[in-house]
Amino acid sequence: MRVLVLSHTRCGSTTLCKWLSKELDVDLDERPYNFKTFNSIIKSDNVVIKIVAEEYYPTNEDINKFDKVICLTRENSSDASISFIRSKNVDKWHDQYEVTDGWINKHKNKILEQIYKYDEIKLRLKEYKVLQITYENIYVSKSDLNRILNYMNVNFPKHLNMLNYDKKYRKDNNFFVKKHIGII
């Protein structure tokens, strides 16, 4: 089975891909999108591939090369933006972290710019006629889990613990984000 996860950055797509790979017992190709290698990768019959919209918006022809396509976005653009700005600043994308009031104040303008970018990307991603799910509905409310399991024909999941909210990278409270950004 060839599975594509289409997303924007900082929305839980790496974790989702790792879970799908393990749950379906298929390979995971974690390389960033590359035009030269894309077609060779999808020749594999058993692979999960992720494409982030910031690198490439796949065509319908690209989408049709996959057996299953999931589009993952994050409703909360401010949290995604904070995660992006922080990760970019330290060049660490998959580790636990905390941010402080001071950090939020220092980076407020960059965060607001990134929020705008994410909102534009999400509008474009919503145009794809594929399974649309969100970070919040996988990792927080869990309301998209059954949709994914049904879509992927997984009757007896064994690795749902990989999607637990306590595994998220950011370990601080979000209440001060509301105060400083005033958007969420």
N, C-alpha and C. Protein backbone atom coordinates (compact mmCIF):
# COMPACT_ATOMS: atom_id res chain seq x y z
N MET A 1 0.83 -1.17 0.00
CA MET A 1 0.00 0.00 0.00
C MET A 1 0.88 1.24 0.00
N ARG A 2 0.58 2.17 -0.87
CA ARG A 2 1.30 3.45 -0.92
C ARG A 2 0.44 4.51 -0.25
N VAL A 3 0.99 5.13 0.79
CA VAL A 3 0.24 6.11 1.57
C VAL A 3 0.97 7.44 1.51
N LEU A 4 0.21 8.50 1.24
CA LEU A 4 0.75 9.85 1.26
C LEU A 4 0.10 10.62 2.39
N VAL A 5 0.93 11.26 3.20
CA VAL A 5 0.44 12.22 4.19
C VAL A 5 0.86 13.59 3.68
N LEU A 6 -0.13 14.40 3.39
CA LEU A 6 0.08 15.75 2.90
C LEU A 6 -0.24 16.69 4.05
N SER A 7 0.65 17.65 4.32
CA SER A 7 0.46 18.49 5.49
C SER A 7 1.20 19.81 5.33
N HIS A 8 1.13 20.62 6.35
CA HIS A 8 2.03 21.75 6.50
C HIS A 8 2.98 21.38 7.63
N THR A 9 3.99 22.18 7.86
CA THR A 9 4.94 21.88 8.93
C THR A 9 4.28 22.08 10.29
N ARG A 10 4.80 21.40 11.30
CA ARG A 10 4.45 21.55 12.70
C ARG A 10 2.99 21.22 13.01
N CYS A 11 2.49 20.14 12.41
CA CYS A 11 1.10 19.74 12.67
C CYS A 11 0.98 18.28 13.10
N GLY A 12 2.10 17.65 13.46
CA GLY A 12 2.05 16.27 13.91
C GLY A 12 2.19 15.25 12.79
N SER A 13 2.61 15.67 11.62
CA SER A 13 2.67 14.76 10.48
C SER A 13 3.76 13.71 10.61
N THR A 14 4.88 14.05 11.22
CA THR A 14 5.94 13.06 11.40
C THR A 14 5.46 11.93 12.30
N THR A 15 4.81 12.29 13.39
CA THR A 15 4.28 11.27 14.32
C THR A 15 3.22 10.43 13.63
N LEU A 16 2.33 11.07 12.88
CA LEU A 16 1.30 10.34 12.16
C LEU A 16 1.92 9.35 11.18
N CYS A 17 2.93 9.78 10.45
CA CYS A 17 3.60 8.89 9.49
C CYS A 17 4.28 7.72 10.19
N LYS A 18 4.94 7.98 11.30
CA LYS A 18 5.58 6.89 12.05
C LYS A 18 4.54 5.90 12.54
N TRP A 19 3.41 6.41 13.02
CA TRP A 19 2.35 5.53 13.49
C TRP A 19 1.79 4.70 12.34
N LEU A 20 1.48 5.34 11.22
CA LEU A 20 0.95 4.60 10.06
C LEU A 20 1.92 3.52 9.60
N SER A 21 3.19 3.86 9.55
CA SER A 21 4.20 2.90 9.13
C SER A 21 4.21 1.68 10.04
N LYS A 22 4.16 1.93 11.33
CA LYS A 22 4.19 0.83 12.30
C LYS A 22 2.87 0.05 12.28
N GLU A 23 1.76 0.77 12.26
CA GLU A 23 0.44 0.12 12.28
C GLU A 23 0.20 -0.72 11.04
N LEU A 24 0.65 -0.23 9.89
CA LEU A 24 0.44 -0.94 8.62
C LEU A 24 1.58 -1.87 8.27
N ASP A 25 2.65 -1.80 9.04
CA ASP A 25 3.86 -2.60 8.79
C ASP A 25 4.39 -2.36 7.37
N VAL A 26 4.57 -1.06 7.06
CA VAL A 26 5.15 -0.65 5.79
C VAL A 26 6.31 0.30 6.05
N ASP A 27 7.14 0.47 5.04
CA ASP A 27 8.30 1.35 5.17
C ASP A 27 7.87 2.80 5.31
N LEU A 28 8.71 3.58 5.94
CA LEU A 28 8.50 5.02 6.06
C LEU A 28 9.66 5.72 5.38
N ASP A 29 9.35 6.53 4.39
CA ASP A 29 10.38 7.34 3.75
C ASP A 29 10.30 8.74 4.34
N GLU A 30 11.31 9.09 5.14
CA GLU A 30 11.29 10.36 5.86
C GLU A 30 12.05 11.48 5.16
N ARG A 31 12.51 11.21 3.96
CA ARG A 31 13.26 12.25 3.24
C ARG A 31 12.34 13.38 2.81
N PRO A 32 12.85 14.61 2.81
CA PRO A 32 12.06 15.72 2.29
C PRO A 32 11.73 15.49 0.82
N TYR A 33 10.66 16.13 0.37
CA TYR A 33 10.27 15.97 -1.02
C TYR A 33 11.42 16.37 -1.94
N ASN A 34 11.64 15.53 -2.95
CA ASN A 34 12.65 15.79 -3.97
C ASN A 34 12.09 15.29 -5.29
N PHE A 35 11.97 16.18 -6.24
CA PHE A 35 11.39 15.85 -7.54
C PHE A 35 12.09 14.66 -8.19
N LYS A 36 13.41 14.61 -8.10
CA LYS A 36 14.18 13.55 -8.78
C LYS A 36 13.92 12.18 -8.18
N THR A 37 13.70 12.11 -6.86
CA THR A 37 13.53 10.79 -6.23
C THR A 37 12.07 10.44 -5.99
N PHE A 38 11.15 11.39 -6.14
CA PHE A 38 9.74 11.16 -5.82
C PHE A 38 9.17 9.96 -6.57
N ASN A 39 9.34 9.90 -7.86
CA ASN A 39 8.77 8.80 -8.64
C ASN A 39 9.40 7.45 -8.32
N SER A 40 10.68 7.44 -7.98
CA SER A 40 11.29 6.16 -7.62
C SER A 40 10.80 5.67 -6.26
N ILE A 41 10.53 6.60 -5.35
CA ILE A 41 10.04 6.23 -4.02
C ILE A 41 8.67 5.58 -4.12
N ILE A 42 7.79 6.18 -4.90
CA ILE A 42 6.43 5.67 -4.94
C ILE A 42 6.28 4.39 -5.77
N LYS A 43 7.36 3.92 -6.35
CA LYS A 43 7.31 2.62 -7.02
C LYS A 43 7.26 1.49 -6.01
N SER A 44 7.63 1.79 -4.79
CA SER A 44 7.52 0.81 -3.73
C SER A 44 6.04 0.53 -3.46
N ASP A 45 5.72 -0.72 -3.21
CA ASP A 45 4.34 -1.09 -2.95
C ASP A 45 3.92 -0.86 -1.51
N ASN A 46 4.87 -0.71 -0.62
CA ASN A 46 4.57 -0.58 0.80
C ASN A 46 5.38 0.55 1.41
N VAL A 47 4.81 1.76 1.36
CA VAL A 47 5.55 2.91 1.86
C VAL A 47 4.60 4.01 2.31
N VAL A 48 5.02 4.72 3.34
CA VAL A 48 4.36 5.95 3.78
C VAL A 48 5.30 7.09 3.46
N ILE A 49 4.78 8.09 2.78
CA ILE A 49 5.56 9.26 2.37
C ILE A 49 4.84 10.50 2.88
N LYS A 50 5.63 11.47 3.29
CA LYS A 50 5.06 12.75 3.71
C LYS A 50 5.54 13.84 2.77
N ILE A 51 4.61 14.70 2.39
CA ILE A 51 4.96 15.91 1.65
C ILE A 51 4.39 17.09 2.42
N VAL A 52 5.24 18.05 2.76
CA VAL A 52 4.75 19.27 3.39
C VAL A 52 4.56 20.32 2.31
N ALA A 53 3.46 21.04 2.42
CA ALA A 53 3.07 22.01 1.39
C ALA A 53 4.12 23.10 1.20
N GLU A 54 4.90 23.40 2.21
CA GLU A 54 5.93 24.40 2.06
C GLU A 54 7.01 23.97 1.07
N GLU A 55 7.10 22.66 0.81
CA GLU A 55 8.07 22.14 -0.16
C GLU A 55 7.44 21.91 -1.53
N TYR A 56 6.17 21.47 -1.53
CA TYR A 56 5.57 21.09 -2.82
C TYR A 56 4.07 20.85 -2.62
N TYR A 57 3.28 21.35 -3.55
CA TYR A 57 1.85 21.02 -3.61
C TYR A 57 1.69 19.97 -4.70
N PRO A 58 1.38 18.73 -4.32
CA PRO A 58 1.27 17.68 -5.34
C PRO A 58 0.11 17.94 -6.31
N THR A 59 0.31 17.51 -7.52
CA THR A 59 -0.73 17.60 -8.54
C THR A 59 -1.72 16.45 -8.34
N ASN A 60 -2.84 16.51 -9.03
CA ASN A 60 -3.78 15.38 -8.99
C ASN A 60 -3.14 14.12 -9.54
N GLU A 61 -2.26 14.28 -10.52
CA GLU A 61 -1.54 13.13 -11.06
C GLU A 61 -0.66 12.48 -9.98
N ASP A 62 0.00 13.31 -9.19
CA ASP A 62 0.81 12.79 -8.06
C ASP A 62 -0.08 12.07 -7.05
N ILE A 63 -1.17 12.69 -6.69
CA ILE A 63 -2.10 12.13 -5.70
C ILE A 63 -2.61 10.76 -6.15
N ASN A 64 -2.91 10.64 -7.42
CA ASN A 64 -3.46 9.39 -7.95
C ASN A 64 -2.47 8.24 -7.95
N LYS A 65 -1.23 8.50 -7.67
CA LYS A 65 -0.22 7.43 -7.60
C LYS A 65 -0.26 6.70 -6.26
N PHE A 66 -1.06 7.21 -5.34
CA PHE A 66 -1.13 6.62 -4.00
C PHE A 66 -2.45 5.90 -3.79
N ASP A 67 -2.39 4.85 -2.98
CA ASP A 67 -3.60 4.10 -2.63
C ASP A 67 -4.44 4.86 -1.62
N LYS A 68 -3.79 5.54 -0.70
CA LYS A 68 -4.47 6.30 0.35
C LYS A 68 -3.75 7.64 0.52
N VAL A 69 -4.54 8.71 0.68
CA VAL A 69 -3.97 10.04 0.88
C VAL A 69 -4.70 10.70 2.05
N ILE A 70 -3.92 11.18 3.00
CA ILE A 70 -4.45 11.86 4.17
C ILE A 70 -3.87 13.26 4.20
N CYS A 71 -4.73 14.25 4.38
CA CYS A 71 -4.27 15.63 4.52
C CYS A 71 -4.44 16.02 5.99
N LEU A 72 -3.34 16.37 6.62
CA LEU A 72 -3.32 16.74 8.04
C LEU A 72 -2.99 18.21 8.18
N THR A 73 -3.84 18.94 8.90
CA THR A 73 -3.57 20.34 9.22
C THR A 73 -3.74 20.54 10.72
N ARG A 74 -3.32 21.70 11.16
CA ARG A 74 -3.48 22.05 12.58
C ARG A 74 -4.37 23.28 12.66
N GLU A 75 -5.50 23.15 13.34
CA GLU A 75 -6.43 24.25 13.46
C GLU A 75 -5.80 25.45 14.15
N ASN A 76 -5.01 25.19 15.16
CA ASN A 76 -4.41 26.25 15.97
C ASN A 76 -3.11 26.73 15.32
N SER A 77 -3.24 27.72 14.46
CA SER A 77 -2.07 28.24 13.73
C SER A 77 -1.07 28.91 14.64
N SER A 78 -1.51 29.45 15.77
CA SER A 78 -0.55 30.10 16.67
C SER A 78 0.37 29.07 17.32
N ASP A 79 -0.17 27.93 17.76
CA ASP A 79 0.70 26.90 18.34
C ASP A 79 1.65 26.33 17.29
N ALA A 80 1.15 26.11 16.08
CA ALA A 80 2.02 25.62 15.00
C ALA A 80 3.12 26.64 14.71
N SER A 81 2.77 27.92 14.72
CA SER A 81 3.74 28.99 14.45
C SER A 81 4.80 29.09 15.53
N ILE A 82 4.38 29.00 16.77
CA ILE A 82 5.34 29.02 17.88
C ILE A 82 6.30 27.84 17.74
N SER A 83 5.76 26.68 17.45
CA SER A 83 6.59 25.50 17.27
C SER A 83 7.57 25.68 16.12
N PHE A 84 7.10 26.25 15.02
CA PHE A 84 7.96 26.46 13.86
C PHE A 84 9.08 27.45 14.16
N ILE A 85 8.74 28.60 14.73
CA ILE A 85 9.74 29.63 15.02
C ILE A 85 10.76 29.10 16.01
N ARG A 86 10.31 28.43 17.03
CA ARG A 86 11.23 27.88 18.03
C ARG A 86 12.15 26.83 17.41
N SER A 87 11.58 25.90 16.66
CA SER A 87 12.37 24.83 16.05
C SER A 87 13.38 25.38 15.05
N LYS A 88 12.96 26.36 14.27
CA LYS A 88 13.86 26.97 13.29
C LYS A 88 15.01 27.69 13.99
N ASN A 89 14.70 28.37 15.09
CA ASN A 89 15.74 29.11 15.83
C ASN A 89 16.83 28.19 16.39
N VAL A 90 16.45 27.04 16.88
CA VAL A 90 17.42 26.13 17.49
C VAL A 90 17.82 24.98 16.56
N ASP A 91 17.18 24.90 15.40
CA ASP A 91 17.42 23.85 14.42
C ASP A 91 17.26 22.45 15.02
N LYS A 92 16.23 22.32 15.84
CA LYS A 92 15.84 21.02 16.40
C LYS A 92 14.34 20.90 16.19
N TRP A 93 13.94 19.87 15.45
CA TRP A 93 12.55 19.78 15.01
C TRP A 93 11.74 18.72 15.74
N HIS A 94 12.38 17.83 16.45
CA HIS A 94 11.65 16.72 17.07
C HIS A 94 12.14 16.45 18.48
N ASP A 95 12.18 17.50 19.30
CA ASP A 95 12.57 17.32 20.69
C ASP A 95 11.59 18.09 21.58
N GLN A 96 11.58 17.74 22.84
CA GLN A 96 10.69 18.42 23.78
C GLN A 96 11.23 19.81 24.09
N TYR A 97 10.30 20.74 24.36
CA TYR A 97 10.71 22.11 24.64
C TYR A 97 9.63 22.85 25.42
N GLU A 98 10.00 23.99 25.95
CA GLU A 98 9.08 24.92 26.60
C GLU A 98 9.37 26.31 26.05
N VAL A 99 8.35 27.14 26.03
CA VAL A 99 8.56 28.55 25.70
C VAL A 99 8.03 29.38 26.86
N THR A 100 8.60 30.55 27.04
CA THR A 100 8.24 31.43 28.15
C THR A 100 7.50 32.66 27.62
N ASP A 101 6.95 33.43 28.56
CA ASP A 101 6.32 34.70 28.20
C ASP A 101 7.31 35.59 27.46
N GLY A 102 8.53 35.65 27.97
CA GLY A 102 9.56 36.48 27.34
C GLY A 102 9.86 36.05 25.92
N TRP A 103 9.91 34.75 25.70
CA TRP A 103 10.18 34.24 24.35
C TRP A 103 9.04 34.63 23.41
N ILE A 104 7.80 34.50 23.87
CA ILE A 104 6.64 34.87 23.07
C ILE A 104 6.72 36.36 22.70
N ASN A 105 7.00 37.20 23.68
CA ASN A 105 7.09 38.65 23.42
C ASN A 105 8.19 38.97 22.42
N LYS A 106 9.33 38.32 22.58
CA LYS A 106 10.47 38.57 21.70
C LYS A 106 10.17 38.19 20.25
N HIS A 107 9.39 37.15 20.05
CA HIS A 107 9.13 36.61 18.71
C HIS A 107 7.72 36.89 18.20
N LYS A 108 7.00 37.77 18.85
CA LYS A 108 5.60 38.00 18.52
C LYS A 108 5.37 38.33 17.05
N ASN A 109 6.17 39.21 16.48
CA ASN A 109 5.96 39.59 15.07
C ASN A 109 6.20 38.42 14.12
N LYS A 110 7.24 37.64 14.38
CA LYS A 110 7.51 36.47 13.54
C LYS A 110 6.38 35.45 13.67
N ILE A 111 5.88 35.29 14.89
CA ILE A 111 4.77 34.34 15.12
C ILE A 111 3.54 34.79 14.33
N LEU A 112 3.23 36.07 14.39
CA LEU A 112 2.07 36.58 13.66
C LEU A 112 2.23 36.40 12.16
N GLU A 113 3.42 36.64 11.63
CA GLU A 113 3.68 36.42 10.20
C GLU A 113 3.48 34.95 9.83
N GLN A 114 3.98 34.06 10.69
CA GLN A 114 3.86 32.63 10.41
C GLN A 114 2.40 32.17 10.49
N ILE A 115 1.64 32.74 11.41
CA ILE A 115 0.22 32.42 11.51
C ILE A 115 -0.46 32.71 10.18
N TYR A 116 -0.18 33.86 9.61
CA TYR A 116 -0.76 34.24 8.32
C TYR A 116 -0.36 33.22 7.24
N LYS A 117 0.90 32.84 7.22
CA LYS A 117 1.37 31.86 6.22
C LYS A 117 0.64 30.53 6.37
N TYR A 118 0.52 30.06 7.62
CA TYR A 118 -0.17 28.79 7.85
C TYR A 118 -1.63 28.87 7.43
N ASP A 119 -2.28 29.97 7.74
CA ASP A 119 -3.69 30.11 7.35
C ASP A 119 -3.86 30.06 5.84
N GLU A 120 -2.93 30.64 5.10
CA GLU A 120 -2.98 30.59 3.63
C GLU A 120 -2.72 29.16 3.13
N ILE A 121 -1.75 28.50 3.71
CA ILE A 121 -1.44 27.11 3.31
C ILE A 121 -2.62 26.20 3.58
N LYS A 122 -3.24 26.35 4.74
CA LYS A 122 -4.38 25.49 5.10
C LYS A 122 -5.55 25.68 4.14
N LEU A 123 -5.80 26.90 3.71
CA LEU A 123 -6.86 27.12 2.72
C LEU A 123 -6.59 26.34 1.45
N ARG A 124 -5.34 26.34 1.03
CA ARG A 124 -4.98 25.61 -0.20
C ARG A 124 -5.06 24.10 0.01
N LEU A 125 -4.61 23.62 1.17
CA LEU A 125 -4.66 22.18 1.45
C LEU A 125 -6.10 21.66 1.53
N LYS A 126 -7.00 22.47 2.01
CA LYS A 126 -8.41 22.06 2.13
C LYS A 126 -9.05 21.79 0.77
N GLU A 127 -8.44 22.27 -0.31
CA GLU A 127 -8.97 22.05 -1.65
C GLU A 127 -8.78 20.62 -2.14
N TYR A 128 -7.84 19.87 -1.54
CA TYR A 128 -7.61 18.49 -1.95
C TYR A 128 -8.80 17.62 -1.54
N LYS A 129 -9.24 16.78 -2.45
CA LYS A 129 -10.37 15.88 -2.21
C LYS A 129 -9.85 14.55 -1.69
N VAL A 130 -9.33 14.61 -0.46
CA VAL A 130 -8.76 13.44 0.21
C VAL A 130 -9.28 13.44 1.64
N LEU A 131 -8.89 12.45 2.42
CA LEU A 131 -9.28 12.42 3.83
C LEU A 131 -8.64 13.61 4.54
N GLN A 132 -9.45 14.52 5.05
CA GLN A 132 -8.98 15.72 5.75
C GLN A 132 -9.13 15.50 7.25
N ILE A 133 -8.01 15.62 7.97
CA ILE A 133 -8.02 15.46 9.42
C ILE A 133 -7.21 16.59 10.05
N THR A 134 -7.33 16.72 11.37
CA THR A 134 -6.58 17.77 12.06
C THR A 134 -5.79 17.21 13.23
N TYR A 135 -4.75 17.94 13.57
CA TYR A 135 -3.92 17.64 14.74
C TYR A 135 -4.80 17.52 15.99
N GLU A 136 -5.67 18.51 16.16
CA GLU A 136 -6.50 18.55 17.36
C GLU A 136 -7.43 17.34 17.46
N ASN A 137 -7.92 16.87 16.30
CA ASN A 137 -8.85 15.74 16.29
C ASN A 137 -8.15 14.38 16.31
N ILE A 138 -6.84 14.38 16.21
CA ILE A 138 -6.09 13.14 16.40
C ILE A 138 -5.53 13.09 17.81
N TYR A 139 -4.80 14.12 18.18
CA TYR A 139 -4.02 14.09 19.41
C TYR A 139 -4.76 14.62 20.63
N VAL A 140 -5.80 15.42 20.45
CA VAL A 140 -6.50 16.00 21.60
C VAL A 140 -7.86 15.33 21.79
N SER A 141 -8.80 15.57 20.90
CA SER A 141 -10.16 15.01 21.07
C SER A 141 -10.26 13.56 20.61
N LYS A 142 -9.34 13.13 19.76
CA LYS A 142 -9.30 11.77 19.20
C LYS A 142 -10.46 11.49 18.23
N SER A 143 -11.24 12.50 17.87
CA SER A 143 -12.42 12.27 17.04
C SER A 143 -12.09 11.84 15.61
N ASP A 144 -10.88 12.07 15.13
CA ASP A 144 -10.52 11.62 13.78
C ASP A 144 -9.89 10.23 13.76
N LEU A 145 -9.62 9.66 14.92
CA LEU A 145 -8.96 8.34 14.93
C LEU A 145 -9.78 7.27 14.23
N ASN A 146 -11.06 7.20 14.52
CA ASN A 146 -11.90 6.18 13.86
C ASN A 146 -11.98 6.42 12.35
N ARG A 147 -11.99 7.68 11.95
CA ARG A 147 -12.02 7.98 10.52
C ARG A 147 -10.75 7.45 9.84
N ILE A 148 -9.61 7.65 10.50
CA ILE A 148 -8.34 7.15 9.94
C ILE A 148 -8.33 5.63 9.91
N LEU A 149 -8.70 5.02 11.02
CA LEU A 149 -8.70 3.56 11.09
C LEU A 149 -9.61 2.96 10.03
N ASN A 150 -10.79 3.51 9.84
CA ASN A 150 -11.71 3.02 8.81
C ASN A 150 -11.13 3.23 7.42
N TYR A 151 -10.60 4.39 7.17
CA TYR A 151 -10.04 4.72 5.86
C TYR A 151 -8.87 3.81 5.52
N MET A 152 -8.05 3.50 6.53
CA MET A 152 -6.87 2.66 6.31
C MET A 152 -7.17 1.17 6.47
N ASN A 153 -8.42 0.83 6.77
CA ASN A 153 -8.84 -0.57 6.98
C ASN A 153 -8.06 -1.25 8.09
N VAL A 154 -7.86 -0.53 9.17
CA VAL A 154 -7.19 -1.08 10.35
C VAL A 154 -8.28 -1.44 11.36
N ASN A 155 -8.48 -2.73 11.56
CA ASN A 155 -9.55 -3.19 12.46
C ASN A 155 -9.09 -3.35 13.91
N PHE A 156 -7.85 -3.71 14.09
CA PHE A 156 -7.35 -3.95 15.44
C PHE A 156 -6.03 -3.20 15.64
N PRO A 157 -6.10 -1.91 15.89
CA PRO A 157 -4.86 -1.11 16.04
C PRO A 157 -4.07 -1.56 17.26
N LYS A 158 -2.75 -1.57 17.08
CA LYS A 158 -1.86 -2.03 18.15
C LYS A 158 -0.97 -0.92 18.70
N HIS A 159 -0.92 0.21 18.02
CA HIS A 159 0.07 1.23 18.38
C HIS A 159 -0.53 2.61 18.61
N LEU A 160 -1.77 2.67 19.02
CA LEU A 160 -2.42 3.96 19.24
C LEU A 160 -1.74 4.82 20.31
N ASN A 161 -1.00 4.18 21.20
CA ASN A 161 -0.28 4.93 22.24
C ASN A 161 0.72 5.91 21.63
N MET A 162 1.14 5.68 20.40
CA MET A 162 2.06 6.60 19.73
C MET A 162 1.40 7.96 19.48
N LEU A 163 0.08 8.01 19.50
CA LEU A 163 -0.66 9.23 19.20
C LEU A 163 -1.17 9.93 20.46
N ASN A 164 -0.70 9.50 21.62
CA ASN A 164 -1.15 10.12 22.86
C ASN A 164 -0.67 11.56 22.97
N TYR A 165 -1.52 12.41 23.50
CA TYR A 165 -1.24 13.84 23.64
C TYR A 165 -0.01 14.10 24.51
N ASP A 166 0.24 13.24 25.47
CA ASP A 166 1.40 13.46 26.36
C ASP A 166 2.74 13.26 25.64
N LYS A 167 2.70 12.78 24.41
CA LYS A 167 3.92 12.60 23.65
C LYS A 167 4.29 13.85 22.83
N LYS A 168 3.44 14.89 22.89
CA LYS A 168 3.72 16.10 22.12
C LYS A 168 5.03 16.73 22.58
N TYR A 169 5.63 17.50 21.71
CA TYR A 169 6.95 18.08 21.98
C TYR A 169 6.89 19.22 22.99
N ARG A 170 5.89 20.08 22.86
CA ARG A 170 5.83 21.25 23.74
C ARG A 170 5.21 20.87 25.07
N LYS A 171 5.91 21.16 26.16
CA LYS A 171 5.51 20.71 27.48
C LYS A 171 5.08 21.83 28.41
N ASP A 172 4.86 23.04 27.90
CA ASP A 172 4.45 24.13 28.77
C ASP A 172 2.94 24.35 28.70
N ASN A 173 2.45 25.28 29.51
CA ASN A 173 1.03 25.65 29.48
C ASN A 173 0.79 26.64 28.35
N ASN A 174 -0.37 26.58 27.75
CA ASN A 174 -0.67 27.45 26.62
C ASN A 174 -1.41 28.72 27.03
N PHE A 175 -1.74 28.89 28.30
CA PHE A 175 -2.58 30.02 28.69
C PHE A 175 -1.95 31.36 28.36
N PHE A 176 -0.62 31.47 28.42
CA PHE A 176 0.02 32.75 28.16
C PHE A 176 0.05 33.09 26.67
N VAL A 177 -0.10 32.08 25.82
CA VAL A 177 -0.15 32.35 24.39
C VAL A 177 -1.38 33.20 24.08
N LYS A 178 -2.50 32.85 24.67
CA LYS A 178 -3.72 33.62 24.46
C LYS A 178 -3.51 35.08 24.87
N LYS A 179 -2.84 35.26 25.97
CA LYS A 179 -2.61 36.61 26.49
C LYS A 179 -1.71 37.40 25.57
N HIS A 180 -0.64 36.80 25.06
CA HIS A 180 0.35 37.53 24.29
C HIS A 180 0.01 37.67 22.81
N ILE A 181 -0.60 36.67 22.25
CA ILE A 181 -0.92 36.71 20.83
C ILE A 181 -2.34 37.25 20.65
N GLY A 182 -3.22 36.88 21.56
CA GLY A 182 -4.58 37.38 21.50
C GLY A 182 -5.39 36.84 20.34
N ILE A 183 -4.98 35.72 19.77
CA ILE A 183 -5.66 35.19 18.59
C ILE A 183 -6.43 33.91 18.94
N ILE A 184 -5.88 33.10 19.80
CA ILE A 184 -6.55 31.83 20.10
C ILE A 184 -7.44 31.93 21.31
